[in-house]
Each structure stands twice: as C-alpha cells, then as structure tokens.
Amino acid sequence: MDGIHDLGGMHGFGPIEREENEPAFHERWEAAVFAMVMAAGRAGATGNADRFRHAIERIDPIAYLTHGYYGRWLGAIETLLAEAGMVDPAEVTARSMALGAAPNGRIAARPSPRPDRVAPARSADNRRELRQPPLFATGDPVRTAAAVKPGHTRLPRYARGKCGRILCCHDAWVYPDSHAHGQGDQPTHLYTVAFTGTELWGREADPALRVHLDLFEPYLELADV
C-alpha cells in the first residue's frame, strides 16, 4: 500500500531523536490505548497483527504524522471497532465533543464501508511448515518487485525495483499481504536480503552503507549479474 506511513528513505523529517531511559508510556492515555488494543484483540476485533498494521496505514495521513505512536494505534483501533460493528463513529464523535474535543478536530479513524472479513488469529506464532523448497539460496542475486498490489505489504517503497543479495532464508511464515485481508495464511519463504546504500539511494549515498531487509519470496526474482 502506498501511503504516508511508508516514510523509509524519505528526506525532510530530520534526525531520529533517541530518549535516554524512555518510559513505556509518556502519558496515562497511551497506556489506556495499549490496553484497549489488547482487549480488542481478545474480543476478535483486530483479526491479526497484519490487519492491525494495515488499519494504522489507513488512518488520516495528517493524523499519522502528528498524533504520535499511540495516537496512530488509537485511530487504528477505532477504525477496526467501527468495521466490526462494535462502536458507532457518530457516537464516538459525540462523546469526544462532550468531553471537550473541538467540533472541527481531526478524526484519524477511517473505517471502510466494505471492510475485509478477517478471522481472529489462531496463534501469535506466524511460522508455518511448507513442503515446497525455497526458490533462492544464500548468495543469490535478486531483484525486488517494482510495484505492489493495493492493500497491505511489507515491501517498503524505497526498496522496490532494487537489486540485492540473499543473506539467509528463515523458512516459511504467514504472508502478510494475504493475512491482513482475510485471504488466509498463504505461507511463503522469508529471506534476509542485503542492499547497498548506492543501490537504494543513488551515487550520493554512503558507499559503505549496507541495509538488510526481511522480504517474502513473492517480492523477489532472480537478478542478472
């Protein structure tokens, strides 16, 4: 899915600032959102982790950039609860205004009128058995797909249509692109692929830079060397 969430490799966002001894939650409401997401998962509203990630990707773009980490979680869980029929967005808005929210305040949640039907996850373990052998071996040169289908994907925009080399194979795992949309596990082999900085960002990048990405087999094809 192409969206504002796919920020990897983009310019203009400044350095990553690390906070020493950062607490798990900076404010009490963040802990409440964490608890809500865990409870919603047990109630079957989130479906699985891939669907939850896709819900985060679907929130309002400006909210994604400004509401912070748990603010994105809040927009995503409201989206999923509305799609599951567990909450009414109009009632959420009315309650927010009653508590002092601005009438023209930005709403992060973007529930779909025709949401995917995703069964609750059977297990937190996404590793699967697969009789089919992997297509690639350690050392193979590969090229990533230049385009992706609409919906959730774990292939970042900055790494599409790029050449790298297989570092290792991690056996078979649930395929996020299908799992997020209720299309089954469709397990596939997962690889760590190494890219040079110049391959990803051009000749101006640090020539010594190496980027390792975990990528699923459908994203890859053998590259000419």
Protein backbone atom coordinates (compact mmCIF):
# COMPACT_ATOMS: atom_id res chain seq x y z
CA MET A 1 0.00 0.00 0.00
CA ASP A 2 1.39 3.39 -0.97
CA GLY A 3 0.68 5.91 1.76
CA ILE A 4 2.11 8.42 4.19
CA HIS A 5 3.11 5.58 6.54
CA ASP A 6 5.82 4.45 4.08
CA LEU A 7 8.41 7.01 5.23
CA GLY A 8 11.56 4.89 4.94
CA GLY A 9 14.28 6.62 2.94
CA MET A 10 12.37 9.90 2.59
CA HIS A 11 14.07 13.26 3.13
CA GLY A 12 12.91 16.20 5.22
CA PHE A 13 11.94 14.56 8.52
CA GLY A 14 15.14 15.35 10.40
CA PRO A 15 17.27 13.06 12.56
CA ILE A 16 15.87 10.31 14.75
CA GLU A 17 15.97 11.59 18.32
CA ARG A 18 16.55 8.95 20.99
CA GLU A 19 15.33 9.49 24.53
CA GLU A 20 17.52 8.05 27.26
CA ASN A 21 15.66 5.74 29.64
CA GLU A 22 12.47 6.29 27.67
CA PRO A 23 9.38 5.08 29.57
CA ALA A 24 6.95 2.62 28.03
CA PHE A 25 4.23 5.30 28.17
CA HIS A 26 4.72 9.05 28.32
CA GLU A 27 1.14 9.76 29.37
CA ARG A 28 -1.64 7.78 31.01
CA TRP A 29 -3.83 7.80 27.88
CA GLU A 30 -1.14 5.87 25.99
CA ALA A 31 -1.39 3.02 28.49
CA ALA A 32 -5.18 3.10 28.10
CA VAL A 33 -4.86 2.79 24.31
CA PHE A 34 -2.46 -0.15 24.71
CA ALA A 35 -4.98 -1.87 26.98
CA MET A 36 -7.80 -1.19 24.50
CA VAL A 37 -5.85 -2.77 21.65
CA MET A 38 -5.07 -5.86 23.72
CA ALA A 39 -8.71 -6.19 24.79
CA ALA A 40 -9.96 -5.68 21.24
CA GLY A 41 -7.67 -8.44 20.06
CA ARG A 42 -9.13 -10.84 22.60
CA ALA A 43 -12.62 -9.81 21.51
CA GLY A 44 -11.76 -10.65 17.90
CA ALA A 45 -11.96 -7.08 16.57
CA THR A 46 -8.41 -6.76 15.30
CA GLY A 47 -8.24 -10.08 13.47
CA ASN A 48 -4.47 -10.36 13.41
CA ALA A 49 -1.34 -8.22 13.65
CA ASP A 50 -1.15 -7.71 9.89
CA ARG A 51 -4.71 -6.39 9.76
CA PHE A 52 -3.93 -4.05 12.66
CA ARG A 53 -0.84 -2.74 10.83
CA HIS A 54 -2.98 -2.15 7.75
CA ALA A 55 -5.52 -0.25 9.87
CA ILE A 56 -2.70 2.05 11.02
CA GLU A 57 -1.74 2.59 7.38
CA ARG A 58 -5.32 3.61 6.57
CA ILE A 59 -5.76 6.40 9.13
CA ASP A 60 -5.88 10.05 8.09
CA PRO A 61 -2.43 10.98 6.66
CA ILE A 62 -2.03 14.19 8.67
CA ALA A 63 -3.08 12.35 11.82
CA TYR A 64 -0.44 9.72 11.03
CA LEU A 65 2.26 12.39 11.03
CA THR A 66 1.05 14.38 14.04
CA HIS A 67 -0.73 12.08 16.53
CA GLY A 68 2.32 10.11 17.64
CA TYR A 69 2.82 6.37 18.07
CA TYR A 70 -0.13 5.57 20.33
CA GLY A 71 -2.26 8.18 18.59
CA ARG A 72 -1.89 6.05 15.46
CA TRP A 73 -2.88 2.99 17.48
CA LEU A 74 -5.99 4.84 18.68
CA GLY A 75 -7.02 5.77 15.14
CA ALA A 76 -6.44 2.20 14.00
CA ILE A 77 -8.41 0.55 16.81
CA GLU A 78 -11.35 2.94 16.30
CA THR A 79 -11.27 2.02 12.60
CA LEU A 80 -11.36 -1.71 13.38
CA LEU A 81 -14.00 -1.45 16.12
CA ALA A 82 -16.24 0.52 13.76
CA GLU A 83 -15.71 -2.04 10.97
CA ALA A 84 -16.57 -4.83 13.41
CA GLY A 85 -19.81 -3.05 14.38
CA MET A 86 -18.68 -2.69 17.99
CA VAL A 87 -18.76 1.12 18.06
CA ASP A 88 -20.67 3.82 16.18
CA PRO A 89 -18.32 6.55 14.84
CA ALA A 90 -21.06 9.15 15.33
CA GLU A 91 -21.36 8.20 19.00
CA VAL A 92 -17.57 8.36 19.40
CA THR A 93 -17.57 11.86 17.91
CA ALA A 94 -20.44 12.99 20.11
CA ARG A 95 -18.76 11.64 23.24
CA SER A 96 -15.46 13.30 22.27
CA MET A 97 -17.18 16.66 21.84
CA ALA A 98 -18.97 16.23 25.16
CA LEU A 99 -15.52 15.80 26.76
CA GLY A 100 -14.24 18.99 25.16
CA ALA A 101 -12.98 18.00 21.69
CA ALA A 102 -13.14 20.73 19.05
CA PRO A 103 -16.07 20.36 16.60
CA ASN A 104 -13.65 20.65 13.66
CA GLY A 105 -10.96 18.44 15.21
CA ARG A 106 -9.19 15.94 13.00
CA ILE A 107 -10.55 12.38 13.12
CA ALA A 108 -7.85 9.77 12.49
CA ALA A 109 -10.12 6.73 12.05
CA ARG A 110 -11.18 5.85 8.52
CA PRO A 111 -13.42 2.78 8.64
CA SER A 112 -14.26 1.20 5.31
CA PRO A 113 -17.92 0.76 4.34
CA ARG A 114 -16.95 -2.67 2.96
CA PRO A 115 -14.24 -3.97 5.29
CA ASP A 116 -12.38 -7.23 4.81
CA ARG A 117 -13.67 -10.07 6.96
CA VAL A 118 -10.70 -11.35 8.90
CA ALA A 119 -10.98 -14.23 11.38
CA PRO A 120 -9.24 -13.83 14.76
CA ALA A 121 -5.64 -15.04 14.77
CA ARG A 122 -5.28 -18.65 15.87
CA SER A 123 -1.84 -18.09 17.35
CA ALA A 124 0.72 -15.34 17.84
CA ASP A 125 3.28 -17.61 16.14
CA ASN A 126 3.36 -16.91 12.39
CA ARG A 127 5.91 -19.57 11.49
CA ARG A 128 4.49 -22.33 9.27
CA GLU A 129 5.53 -25.64 7.73
CA LEU A 130 5.97 -25.62 3.95
CA ARG A 131 6.95 -28.63 1.84
CA GLN A 132 7.83 -26.50 -1.17
CA PRO A 133 11.59 -25.72 -1.14
CA PRO A 134 12.75 -22.10 -1.25
CA LEU A 135 13.34 -20.57 -4.68
CA PHE A 136 16.51 -18.79 -3.58
CA ALA A 137 19.70 -19.74 -1.77
CA THR A 138 22.26 -17.79 0.21
CA GLY A 139 24.30 -15.61 -2.12
CA ASP A 140 21.73 -15.45 -4.93
CA PRO A 141 21.34 -12.03 -6.59
CA VAL A 142 17.70 -10.91 -6.54
CA ARG A 143 15.60 -8.01 -7.67
CA THR A 144 12.54 -6.79 -5.77
CA ALA A 145 9.18 -6.14 -7.38
CA ALA A 146 8.82 -2.65 -8.82
CA ALA A 147 5.11 -2.42 -7.98
CA VAL A 148 2.81 -3.92 -5.38
CA LYS A 149 -0.88 -4.78 -5.32
CA PRO A 150 -3.28 -2.49 -3.45
CA GLY A 151 -3.52 -3.28 0.23
CA HIS A 152 -1.02 -4.25 2.91
CA THR A 153 2.58 -5.13 2.05
CA ARG A 154 5.90 -5.41 3.87
CA LEU A 155 7.94 -4.34 0.84
CA PRO A 156 8.90 -0.70 1.52
CA ARG A 157 8.66 1.81 -1.29
CA TYR A 158 12.37 2.75 -1.19
CA ALA A 159 13.36 -0.90 -1.84
CA ARG A 160 11.14 -1.61 -4.87
CA GLY A 161 12.79 -2.47 -8.17
CA LYS A 162 16.18 -2.77 -6.44
CA CYS A 163 18.89 -5.43 -6.63
CA GLY A 164 20.29 -7.15 -3.58
CA ARG A 165 21.72 -10.46 -2.47
CA ILE A 166 20.23 -13.22 -0.28
CA LEU A 167 21.94 -13.43 3.11
CA CYS A 168 19.81 -16.22 4.59
CA CYS A 169 16.44 -17.97 4.46
CA HIS A 170 14.13 -18.03 7.51
CA ASP A 171 11.88 -20.91 6.43
CA ALA A 172 8.16 -20.30 5.88
CA TRP A 173 5.99 -17.65 7.51
CA VAL A 174 2.47 -16.29 7.14
CA TYR A 175 2.29 -13.95 4.14
CA PRO A 176 1.22 -10.51 5.46
CA ASP A 177 -0.19 -9.35 2.11
CA SER A 178 -2.92 -12.00 2.26
CA HIS A 179 -3.19 -12.34 6.04
CA ALA A 180 -4.20 -8.69 6.51
CA HIS A 181 -7.20 -9.09 4.20
CA GLY A 182 -8.70 -12.39 5.35
CA GLN A 183 -7.27 -14.33 2.41
CA GLY A 184 -5.61 -16.99 4.52
CA ASP A 185 -2.08 -17.64 5.74
CA GLN A 186 -0.62 -18.43 2.29
CA PRO A 187 2.75 -19.27 3.93
CA THR A 188 5.84 -18.41 1.93
CA HIS A 189 9.58 -18.38 2.46
CA LEU A 190 11.14 -15.36 4.12
CA TYR A 191 14.65 -14.11 3.36
CA THR A 192 17.08 -11.53 4.65
CA VAL A 193 18.28 -9.54 1.63
CA ALA A 194 21.30 -7.20 1.66
CA PHE A 195 21.31 -3.98 -0.35
CA THR A 196 23.98 -1.34 -0.82
CA GLY A 197 23.17 2.24 0.02
CA THR A 198 24.02 3.34 -3.50
CA GLU A 199 21.58 0.79 -4.95
CA LEU A 200 18.77 2.14 -2.79
CA TRP A 201 19.53 5.88 -2.88
CA GLY A 202 21.97 6.52 -5.72
CA ARG A 203 25.59 7.57 -6.01
CA GLU A 204 25.29 10.25 -3.32
CA ALA A 205 24.65 7.62 -0.64
CA ASP A 206 27.41 6.32 1.64
CA PRO A 207 29.17 3.62 -0.45
CA ALA A 208 29.94 1.63 2.71
CA LEU A 209 26.28 1.52 3.81
CA ARG A 210 24.54 -1.86 3.83
CA VAL A 211 20.81 -2.29 4.51
CA HIS A 212 19.34 -5.67 5.43
CA LEU A 213 15.61 -6.26 4.86
CA ASP A 214 13.48 -9.30 5.64
CA LEU A 215 11.45 -9.88 2.47
CA PHE A 216 8.97 -12.52 1.38
CA GLU A 217 9.50 -14.72 -1.65
CA PRO A 218 6.70 -13.22 -3.82
CA TYR A 219 8.53 -9.89 -3.66
CA LEU A 220 11.67 -11.33 -5.29
CA GLU A 221 13.00 -12.65 -8.58
CA LEU A 222 16.47 -13.73 -9.68
CA ALA A 223 18.53 -10.83 -10.98
CA ASP A 224 21.00 -10.82 -13.85
CA VAL A 225 24.60 -10.46 -12.66
